[in-house]
Amino acid sequence: MTPVELDAIDKKILMALQGDLDDSPEPYARIGELTNTPQEDVILRVRRMKELGVIRRIGAMIRHIEAGIEFNGMVVWKVHPDRIEEVGEMLAGSSNVTHCYERPPFGEHGGTLFTMVHSASKETCMEIVRQLAIRVGVDQYEILFSERELKKVSMTYFDEDDASAQ
């Protein structure tokens, strides 16, 4: 991957995007105001950064507890190394899975594939995981349920110092 040159405006746009977007019909207008850049230019710069791979995607972060989705299960799957790609793709493709990562072995079974599943009840979460296990053909897994949310924020990649260092 080749590093991309970003100017001060690009970095300010990224700083604005890493936070909460305005919930107005024109969220990029506010970013334009913050960066003293016309909204059309903000949109063009965001598109360019997306095409260059600087930005992978822009998505909403739902405060799931406030929405009634109170149960979160981090599932640790023990998957044979030869099947990591296959099973990872199947799990990541499920609408019930919000996160999917390969990590070093962990837990009782030494699982290496981690997924996050959310639901309104513990029983529903367990059923979703059971159905996923059948679909991917993996019977060794653990579900680690969240006890409480301590922090939930978007990643911060740039701060004021980064934007002014141009």
N, C-alpha and C. Protein backbone atom coordinates (compact mmCIF):
# COMPACT_ATOMS: atom_id res chain seq x y z
N MET A 1 0.84 -1.18 0.00
CA MET A 1 0.00 0.00 0.00
C MET A 1 0.89 1.24 0.00
N THR A 2 0.63 2.15 -0.90
CA THR A 2 1.42 3.36 -1.03
C THR A 2 0.82 4.47 -0.18
N PRO A 3 1.64 5.14 0.64
CA PRO A 3 1.13 6.26 1.43
C PRO A 3 0.57 7.36 0.53
N VAL A 4 -0.45 8.04 0.99
CA VAL A 4 -1.11 9.10 0.23
C VAL A 4 -0.80 10.43 0.90
N GLU A 5 -0.46 11.42 0.10
CA GLU A 5 -0.21 12.76 0.63
C GLU A 5 -1.56 13.42 0.94
N LEU A 6 -1.70 13.88 2.16
CA LEU A 6 -2.90 14.59 2.58
C LEU A 6 -2.52 16.01 2.96
N ASP A 7 -3.28 16.98 2.47
CA ASP A 7 -3.00 18.35 2.88
C ASP A 7 -3.79 18.67 4.15
N ALA A 8 -3.63 19.88 4.64
CA ALA A 8 -4.26 20.28 5.91
C ALA A 8 -5.79 20.19 5.82
N ILE A 9 -6.36 20.52 4.66
CA ILE A 9 -7.82 20.45 4.52
C ILE A 9 -8.28 19.00 4.56
N ASP A 10 -7.57 18.10 3.85
CA ASP A 10 -7.91 16.68 3.92
C ASP A 10 -7.91 16.19 5.36
N LYS A 11 -6.88 16.56 6.11
CA LYS A 11 -6.77 16.11 7.50
C LYS A 11 -7.90 16.69 8.36
N LYS A 12 -8.27 17.93 8.10
CA LYS A 12 -9.39 18.52 8.86
C LYS A 12 -10.71 17.81 8.51
N ILE A 13 -10.86 17.45 7.24
CA ILE A 13 -12.06 16.70 6.83
C ILE A 13 -12.07 15.35 7.54
N LEU A 14 -10.93 14.67 7.56
CA LEU A 14 -10.86 13.37 8.25
C LEU A 14 -11.15 13.53 9.73
N MET A 15 -10.64 14.61 10.34
CA MET A 15 -10.93 14.85 11.76
C MET A 15 -12.44 14.99 11.98
N ALA A 16 -13.11 15.70 11.08
CA ALA A 16 -14.56 15.87 11.21
C ALA A 16 -15.28 14.55 10.98
N LEU A 17 -14.81 13.76 10.01
CA LEU A 17 -15.47 12.49 9.71
C LEU A 17 -15.29 11.45 10.80
N GLN A 18 -14.19 11.52 11.56
CA GLN A 18 -13.97 10.53 12.61
C GLN A 18 -14.86 10.78 13.82
N GLY A 19 -15.56 11.90 13.84
CA GLY A 19 -16.52 12.18 14.91
C GLY A 19 -17.93 11.91 14.42
N ASP A 20 -18.89 12.48 15.09
CA ASP A 20 -20.29 12.33 14.70
C ASP A 20 -20.62 13.30 13.59
N LEU A 21 -21.26 12.81 12.53
CA LEU A 21 -21.72 13.68 11.46
C LEU A 21 -23.00 14.39 11.90
N ASP A 22 -23.19 15.57 11.36
CA ASP A 22 -24.41 16.32 11.57
C ASP A 22 -25.58 15.49 11.02
N ASP A 23 -26.70 15.46 11.73
CA ASP A 23 -27.83 14.66 11.26
C ASP A 23 -28.76 15.45 10.34
N SER A 24 -28.24 16.49 9.73
CA SER A 24 -29.02 17.28 8.78
C SER A 24 -29.01 16.59 7.41
N PRO A 25 -29.86 17.05 6.50
CA PRO A 25 -29.85 16.48 5.15
C PRO A 25 -28.53 16.72 4.40
N GLU A 26 -27.74 17.69 4.85
CA GLU A 26 -26.47 18.02 4.20
C GLU A 26 -25.33 18.01 5.23
N PRO A 27 -24.94 16.84 5.70
CA PRO A 27 -23.92 16.78 6.75
C PRO A 27 -22.55 17.31 6.33
N TYR A 28 -22.28 17.32 5.02
CA TYR A 28 -20.98 17.80 4.57
C TYR A 28 -20.92 19.33 4.54
N ALA A 29 -22.06 20.00 4.62
CA ALA A 29 -22.08 21.46 4.66
C ALA A 29 -21.41 21.94 5.95
N ARG A 30 -21.70 21.27 7.06
CA ARG A 30 -21.07 21.64 8.35
C ARG A 30 -19.56 21.42 8.29
N ILE A 31 -19.12 20.33 7.66
CA ILE A 31 -17.68 20.08 7.52
C ILE A 31 -17.07 21.18 6.66
N GLY A 32 -17.80 21.62 5.63
CA GLY A 32 -17.33 22.72 4.80
C GLY A 32 -17.16 24.00 5.61
N GLU A 33 -18.10 24.26 6.52
CA GLU A 33 -17.98 25.44 7.38
C GLU A 33 -16.75 25.33 8.28
N LEU A 34 -16.54 24.14 8.85
CA LEU A 34 -15.41 23.94 9.76
C LEU A 34 -14.06 24.06 9.05
N THR A 35 -14.03 23.71 7.78
CA THR A 35 -12.76 23.71 7.03
C THR A 35 -12.65 24.89 6.07
N ASN A 36 -13.67 25.76 6.08
CA ASN A 36 -13.69 26.91 5.17
C ASN A 36 -13.56 26.44 3.72
N THR A 37 -14.30 25.38 3.41
CA THR A 37 -14.26 24.74 2.09
C THR A 37 -15.69 24.56 1.60
N PRO A 38 -15.98 24.87 0.34
CA PRO A 38 -17.34 24.64 -0.16
C PRO A 38 -17.74 23.16 -0.01
N GLN A 39 -19.02 22.95 0.29
CA GLN A 39 -19.53 21.59 0.48
C GLN A 39 -19.18 20.68 -0.70
N GLU A 40 -19.28 21.20 -1.92
CA GLU A 40 -18.98 20.40 -3.10
C GLU A 40 -17.54 19.91 -3.09
N ASP A 41 -16.61 20.77 -2.63
CA ASP A 41 -15.20 20.39 -2.56
C ASP A 41 -14.97 19.35 -1.46
N VAL A 42 -15.70 19.48 -0.36
CA VAL A 42 -15.60 18.48 0.71
C VAL A 42 -16.01 17.11 0.15
N ILE A 43 -17.12 17.07 -0.56
CA ILE A 43 -17.61 15.81 -1.13
C ILE A 43 -16.60 15.24 -2.12
N LEU A 44 -16.03 16.09 -2.97
CA LEU A 44 -15.01 15.62 -3.94
C LEU A 44 -13.78 15.07 -3.22
N ARG A 45 -13.35 15.73 -2.16
CA ARG A 45 -12.18 15.27 -1.41
C ARG A 45 -12.48 13.94 -0.71
N VAL A 46 -13.67 13.81 -0.15
CA VAL A 46 -14.04 12.54 0.49
C VAL A 46 -14.06 11.42 -0.54
N ARG A 47 -14.64 11.68 -1.70
CA ARG A 47 -14.66 10.67 -2.77
C ARG A 47 -13.24 10.26 -3.18
N ARG A 48 -12.36 11.27 -3.34
CA ARG A 48 -10.98 10.99 -3.73
C ARG A 48 -10.28 10.14 -2.67
N MET A 49 -10.47 10.50 -1.40
CA MET A 49 -9.83 9.72 -0.33
C MET A 49 -10.39 8.30 -0.27
N LYS A 50 -11.66 8.15 -0.61
CA LYS A 50 -12.25 6.81 -0.65
C LYS A 50 -11.65 6.01 -1.82
N GLU A 51 -11.54 6.64 -2.98
CA GLU A 51 -10.95 5.96 -4.15
C GLU A 51 -9.50 5.57 -3.91
N LEU A 52 -8.77 6.39 -3.15
CA LEU A 52 -7.36 6.12 -2.86
C LEU A 52 -7.18 5.12 -1.72
N GLY A 53 -8.28 4.77 -1.06
CA GLY A 53 -8.21 3.80 0.03
C GLY A 53 -7.90 4.41 1.39
N VAL A 54 -7.84 5.74 1.47
CA VAL A 54 -7.62 6.40 2.76
C VAL A 54 -8.85 6.17 3.64
N ILE A 55 -10.01 6.29 3.02
CA ILE A 55 -11.27 6.01 3.70
C ILE A 55 -11.81 4.72 3.11
N ARG A 56 -12.11 3.76 3.98
CA ARG A 56 -12.66 2.49 3.49
C ARG A 56 -14.17 2.62 3.34
N ARG A 57 -14.80 3.19 4.36
CA ARG A 57 -16.25 3.35 4.31
C ARG A 57 -16.67 4.40 5.32
N ILE A 58 -17.87 4.92 5.14
CA ILE A 58 -18.47 5.83 6.11
C ILE A 58 -19.75 5.16 6.55
N GLY A 59 -19.88 4.94 7.85
CA GLY A 59 -21.05 4.24 8.34
C GLY A 59 -21.58 4.84 9.62
N ALA A 60 -22.78 4.46 9.93
CA ALA A 60 -23.41 4.93 11.16
C ALA A 60 -23.07 4.00 12.31
N MET A 61 -22.90 4.58 13.47
CA MET A 61 -22.71 3.80 14.68
C MET A 61 -23.99 3.94 15.49
N ILE A 62 -24.69 2.84 15.64
CA ILE A 62 -25.95 2.86 16.37
C ILE A 62 -25.67 2.58 17.84
N ARG A 63 -26.24 3.36 18.69
CA ARG A 63 -26.13 3.14 20.13
C ARG A 63 -27.13 2.03 20.46
N HIS A 64 -26.67 0.79 20.33
CA HIS A 64 -27.54 -0.38 20.36
C HIS A 64 -28.30 -0.54 21.67
N ILE A 65 -27.72 -0.18 22.78
CA ILE A 65 -28.43 -0.34 24.06
C ILE A 65 -29.66 0.57 24.09
N GLU A 66 -29.49 1.82 23.63
CA GLU A 66 -30.61 2.75 23.58
C GLU A 66 -31.69 2.28 22.60
N ALA A 67 -31.28 1.47 21.61
CA ALA A 67 -32.22 0.94 20.61
C ALA A 67 -32.88 -0.37 21.05
N GLY A 68 -32.57 -0.83 22.26
CA GLY A 68 -33.18 -2.05 22.77
C GLY A 68 -32.40 -3.31 22.45
N ILE A 69 -31.21 -3.18 21.90
CA ILE A 69 -30.36 -4.34 21.61
C ILE A 69 -29.39 -4.46 22.79
N GLU A 70 -29.80 -5.20 23.81
CA GLU A 70 -29.07 -5.19 25.07
C GLU A 70 -28.06 -6.31 25.24
N PHE A 71 -28.08 -7.29 24.37
CA PHE A 71 -27.16 -8.42 24.54
C PHE A 71 -26.15 -8.47 23.40
N ASN A 72 -24.88 -8.51 23.80
CA ASN A 72 -23.77 -8.56 22.86
C ASN A 72 -22.98 -9.81 23.17
N GLY A 73 -22.80 -10.63 22.18
CA GLY A 73 -21.99 -11.82 22.38
C GLY A 73 -20.76 -11.80 21.50
N MET A 74 -19.59 -11.78 22.13
CA MET A 74 -18.34 -11.95 21.38
C MET A 74 -18.15 -13.45 21.29
N VAL A 75 -18.19 -13.98 20.08
CA VAL A 75 -18.08 -15.42 19.88
C VAL A 75 -16.64 -15.74 19.48
N VAL A 76 -16.05 -16.66 20.21
CA VAL A 76 -14.69 -17.11 19.93
C VAL A 76 -14.81 -18.49 19.29
N TRP A 77 -14.51 -18.58 18.00
CA TRP A 77 -14.69 -19.80 17.22
C TRP A 77 -13.36 -20.52 17.08
N LYS A 78 -13.36 -21.82 17.34
CA LYS A 78 -12.18 -22.65 17.08
C LYS A 78 -12.34 -23.19 15.67
N VAL A 79 -11.56 -22.63 14.76
CA VAL A 79 -11.65 -22.98 13.34
C VAL A 79 -10.30 -23.54 12.91
N HIS A 80 -10.33 -24.65 12.20
CA HIS A 80 -9.09 -25.23 11.68
C HIS A 80 -8.41 -24.19 10.79
N PRO A 81 -7.08 -24.03 10.90
CA PRO A 81 -6.39 -23.02 10.11
C PRO A 81 -6.67 -23.07 8.61
N ASP A 82 -6.90 -24.26 8.07
CA ASP A 82 -7.19 -24.39 6.64
C ASP A 82 -8.55 -23.79 6.26
N ARG A 83 -9.41 -23.55 7.26
CA ARG A 83 -10.77 -23.05 6.98
C ARG A 83 -10.99 -21.61 7.42
N ILE A 84 -9.95 -20.96 7.95
CA ILE A 84 -10.12 -19.59 8.48
C ILE A 84 -10.72 -18.65 7.42
N GLU A 85 -10.15 -18.62 6.24
CA GLU A 85 -10.65 -17.72 5.18
C GLU A 85 -12.10 -18.02 4.84
N GLU A 86 -12.39 -19.30 4.60
CA GLU A 86 -13.74 -19.72 4.22
C GLU A 86 -14.76 -19.37 5.30
N VAL A 87 -14.49 -19.80 6.53
CA VAL A 87 -15.43 -19.56 7.63
C VAL A 87 -15.51 -18.07 7.95
N GLY A 88 -14.36 -17.40 7.93
CA GLY A 88 -14.36 -15.96 8.18
C GLY A 88 -15.23 -15.20 7.19
N GLU A 89 -15.14 -15.56 5.93
CA GLU A 89 -15.96 -14.91 4.91
C GLU A 89 -17.44 -15.20 5.12
N MET A 90 -17.77 -16.44 5.46
CA MET A 90 -19.19 -16.78 5.69
C MET A 90 -19.74 -16.02 6.90
N LEU A 91 -18.98 -15.99 7.99
CA LEU A 91 -19.45 -15.28 9.18
C LEU A 91 -19.54 -13.78 8.93
N ALA A 92 -18.51 -13.22 8.29
CA ALA A 92 -18.51 -11.79 8.00
C ALA A 92 -19.66 -11.41 7.07
N GLY A 93 -20.10 -12.34 6.24
CA GLY A 93 -21.20 -12.08 5.31
C GLY A 93 -22.58 -12.14 5.95
N SER A 94 -22.64 -12.59 7.20
CA SER A 94 -23.94 -12.70 7.87
C SER A 94 -24.39 -11.33 8.38
N SER A 95 -25.66 -11.01 8.17
CA SER A 95 -26.20 -9.74 8.67
C SER A 95 -26.26 -9.71 10.20
N ASN A 96 -26.12 -10.87 10.83
CA ASN A 96 -26.14 -10.93 12.30
C ASN A 96 -24.77 -10.65 12.92
N VAL A 97 -23.73 -10.57 12.10
CA VAL A 97 -22.37 -10.37 12.61
C VAL A 97 -21.93 -8.95 12.27
N THR A 98 -21.50 -8.20 13.32
CA THR A 98 -21.06 -6.83 13.10
C THR A 98 -19.55 -6.69 13.04
N HIS A 99 -18.82 -7.61 13.62
CA HIS A 99 -17.36 -7.58 13.61
C HIS A 99 -16.86 -9.01 13.37
N CYS A 100 -15.77 -9.15 12.65
CA CYS A 100 -15.19 -10.46 12.42
C CYS A 100 -13.68 -10.31 12.29
N TYR A 101 -12.92 -10.96 13.19
CA TYR A 101 -11.47 -10.82 13.22
C TYR A 101 -10.80 -12.17 13.42
N GLU A 102 -9.63 -12.31 12.84
CA GLU A 102 -8.77 -13.44 13.17
C GLU A 102 -7.76 -12.92 14.19
N ARG A 103 -7.55 -13.72 15.26
CA ARG A 103 -6.63 -13.33 16.32
C ARG A 103 -5.85 -14.55 16.79
N PRO A 104 -4.84 -14.35 17.62
CA PRO A 104 -4.12 -15.50 18.19
C PRO A 104 -5.07 -16.36 19.03
N PRO A 105 -4.77 -17.63 19.23
CA PRO A 105 -5.64 -18.53 20.00
C PRO A 105 -6.01 -17.96 21.37
N PHE A 106 -7.29 -18.16 21.73
CA PHE A 106 -7.80 -17.62 22.99
C PHE A 106 -8.86 -18.55 23.56
N GLY A 107 -8.97 -18.59 24.85
CA GLY A 107 -10.08 -19.24 25.53
C GLY A 107 -9.94 -20.73 25.70
N GLU A 108 -11.00 -21.30 26.20
CA GLU A 108 -11.08 -22.72 26.54
C GLU A 108 -10.73 -23.63 25.36
N HIS A 109 -11.19 -23.26 24.16
CA HIS A 109 -10.96 -24.09 22.98
C HIS A 109 -9.81 -23.60 22.11
N GLY A 110 -9.20 -22.47 22.47
CA GLY A 110 -8.13 -21.92 21.64
C GLY A 110 -8.64 -21.34 20.34
N GLY A 111 -9.79 -20.67 20.41
CA GLY A 111 -10.40 -20.10 19.21
C GLY A 111 -9.57 -18.99 18.60
N THR A 112 -9.63 -18.89 17.28
CA THR A 112 -8.85 -17.89 16.56
C THR A 112 -9.71 -16.94 15.71
N LEU A 113 -11.00 -17.22 15.61
CA LEU A 113 -11.89 -16.36 14.84
C LEU A 113 -12.89 -15.75 15.82
N PHE A 114 -13.02 -14.44 15.79
CA PHE A 114 -13.87 -13.72 16.74
C PHE A 114 -14.96 -12.97 15.98
N THR A 115 -16.20 -13.11 16.43
CA THR A 115 -17.30 -12.35 15.82
C THR A 115 -18.12 -11.71 16.93
N MET A 116 -18.84 -10.66 16.59
CA MET A 116 -19.73 -10.01 17.54
C MET A 116 -21.14 -10.12 17.01
N VAL A 117 -22.04 -10.56 17.90
CA VAL A 117 -23.46 -10.72 17.57
C VAL A 117 -24.25 -9.92 18.59
N HIS A 118 -25.29 -9.22 18.16
CA HIS A 118 -26.12 -8.40 19.03
C HIS A 118 -27.57 -8.87 18.93
N SER A 119 -28.30 -8.82 20.05
CA SER A 119 -29.73 -9.15 20.01
C SER A 119 -30.43 -8.56 21.23
N ALA A 120 -31.75 -8.64 21.22
CA ALA A 120 -32.54 -8.09 22.31
C ALA A 120 -32.56 -8.99 23.53
N SER A 121 -32.24 -10.28 23.37
CA SER A 121 -32.24 -11.19 24.51
C SER A 121 -31.06 -12.15 24.43
N LYS A 122 -30.68 -12.67 25.57
CA LYS A 122 -29.58 -13.63 25.61
C LYS A 122 -29.94 -14.89 24.83
N GLU A 123 -31.18 -15.34 24.96
CA GLU A 123 -31.63 -16.55 24.27
C GLU A 123 -31.56 -16.37 22.75
N THR A 124 -31.99 -15.20 22.27
CA THR A 124 -31.94 -14.94 20.83
C THR A 124 -30.50 -14.91 20.35
N CYS A 125 -29.63 -14.30 21.12
CA CYS A 125 -28.22 -14.24 20.76
C CYS A 125 -27.64 -15.66 20.67
N MET A 126 -27.97 -16.49 21.64
CA MET A 126 -27.47 -17.87 21.63
C MET A 126 -28.01 -18.65 20.43
N GLU A 127 -29.26 -18.40 20.06
CA GLU A 127 -29.86 -19.08 18.91
C GLU A 127 -29.20 -18.62 17.60
N ILE A 128 -28.93 -17.34 17.50
CA ILE A 128 -28.23 -16.82 16.31
C ILE A 128 -26.88 -17.52 16.17
N VAL A 129 -26.15 -17.61 17.27
CA VAL A 129 -24.83 -18.24 17.24
C VAL A 129 -24.96 -19.72 16.89
N ARG A 130 -25.95 -20.40 17.44
CA ARG A 130 -26.17 -21.82 17.13
C ARG A 130 -26.43 -22.01 15.64
N GLN A 131 -27.25 -21.15 15.05
CA GLN A 131 -27.53 -21.23 13.62
C GLN A 131 -26.28 -20.93 12.78
N LEU A 132 -25.50 -19.96 13.22
CA LEU A 132 -24.25 -19.66 12.51
C LEU A 132 -23.31 -20.86 12.58
N ALA A 133 -23.23 -21.50 13.73
CA ALA A 133 -22.35 -22.67 13.90
C ALA A 133 -22.74 -23.79 12.93
N ILE A 134 -24.04 -24.00 12.79
CA ILE A 134 -24.52 -25.03 11.85
C ILE A 134 -24.14 -24.64 10.43
N ARG A 135 -24.39 -23.37 10.08
CA ARG A 135 -24.12 -22.89 8.72
C ARG A 135 -22.65 -23.04 8.33
N VAL A 136 -21.73 -22.73 9.27
CA VAL A 136 -20.30 -22.77 8.94
C VAL A 136 -19.64 -24.10 9.30
N GLY A 137 -20.38 -24.99 9.97
CA GLY A 137 -19.83 -26.30 10.30
C GLY A 137 -18.75 -26.26 11.36
N VAL A 138 -18.94 -25.41 12.37
CA VAL A 138 -17.99 -25.31 13.48
C VAL A 138 -18.76 -25.54 14.77
N ASP A 139 -18.32 -26.54 15.55
CA ASP A 139 -19.06 -26.84 16.78
C ASP A 139 -18.30 -26.47 18.06
N GLN A 140 -17.09 -25.95 17.93
CA GLN A 140 -16.35 -25.52 19.11
C GLN A 140 -16.29 -24.00 19.14
N TYR A 141 -17.01 -23.42 20.09
CA TYR A 141 -17.04 -21.97 20.24
C TYR A 141 -17.45 -21.62 21.66
N GLU A 142 -17.13 -20.39 22.04
CA GLU A 142 -17.55 -19.83 23.32
C GLU A 142 -18.22 -18.49 23.04
N ILE A 143 -19.23 -18.16 23.84
CA ILE A 143 -19.86 -16.84 23.72
C ILE A 143 -19.52 -16.06 24.99
N LEU A 144 -18.88 -14.93 24.81
CA LEU A 144 -18.56 -14.05 25.92
C LEU A 144 -19.54 -12.89 25.88
N PHE A 145 -20.46 -12.84 26.83
CA PHE A 145 -21.47 -11.79 26.85
C PHE A 145 -20.94 -10.55 27.55
N SER A 146 -21.27 -9.40 26.99
CA SER A 146 -20.87 -8.13 27.62
C SER A 146 -21.67 -7.94 28.89
N GLU A 147 -21.01 -7.41 29.90
CA GLU A 147 -21.69 -7.12 31.16
C GLU A 147 -22.18 -5.68 31.18
N ARG A 148 -21.33 -4.76 30.69
CA ARG A 148 -21.73 -3.37 30.57
C ARG A 148 -20.79 -2.67 29.60
N GLU A 149 -21.30 -1.61 29.00
CA GLU A 149 -20.51 -0.84 28.05
C GLU A 149 -19.76 0.24 28.81
N LEU A 150 -18.44 0.24 28.69
CA LEU A 150 -17.62 1.22 29.38
C LEU A 150 -17.19 2.36 28.46
N LYS A 151 -17.07 2.07 27.18
CA LYS A 151 -16.66 3.09 26.22
C LYS A 151 -17.09 2.67 24.83
N LYS A 152 -17.60 3.63 24.08
CA LYS A 152 -17.93 3.38 22.68
C LYS A 152 -17.76 4.69 21.94
N VAL A 153 -16.68 4.78 21.18
CA VAL A 153 -16.40 5.97 20.39
C VAL A 153 -15.79 5.55 19.06
N SER A 154 -15.83 6.45 18.11
CA SER A 154 -15.15 6.21 16.85
C SER A 154 -13.66 6.41 17.05
N MET A 155 -12.87 5.76 16.21
CA MET A 155 -11.42 5.91 16.29
C MET A 155 -11.02 7.34 15.95
N THR A 156 -9.97 7.82 16.59
CA THR A 156 -9.40 9.13 16.29
C THR A 156 -8.05 8.91 15.65
N TYR A 157 -7.92 9.30 14.40
CA TYR A 157 -6.67 9.12 13.67
C TYR A 157 -5.88 10.41 13.56
N PHE A 158 -6.59 11.53 13.55
CA PHE A 158 -5.94 12.83 13.43
C PHE A 158 -6.48 13.74 14.52
N ASP A 159 -5.62 14.63 15.02
CA ASP A 159 -6.07 15.66 15.93
C ASP A 159 -5.62 17.02 15.38
N GLU A 160 -5.86 18.07 16.11
CA GLU A 160 -5.52 19.42 15.63
C GLU A 160 -4.05 19.54 15.27
N ASP A 161 -3.16 18.93 16.03
CA ASP A 161 -1.72 19.01 15.75
C ASP A 161 -1.39 18.41 14.39
N ASP A 162 -2.05 17.30 14.05
CA ASP A 162 -1.80 16.66 12.75
C ASP A 162 -2.24 17.55 11.60
N ALA A 163 -3.36 18.21 11.75
CA ALA A 163 -3.90 19.04 10.67
C ALA A 163 -3.07 20.30 10.49
N SER A 164 -2.51 20.83 11.56
CA SER A 164 -1.76 22.07 11.44
C SER A 164 -0.29 21.84 11.11
N ALA A 165 0.16 20.58 11.02
CA ALA A 165 1.56 20.27 10.78
C ALA A 165 1.93 20.37 9.31
N GLN A 166 1.11 20.96 8.49
CA GLN A 166 1.38 21.06 7.06
C GLN A 166 2.29 22.22 6.76
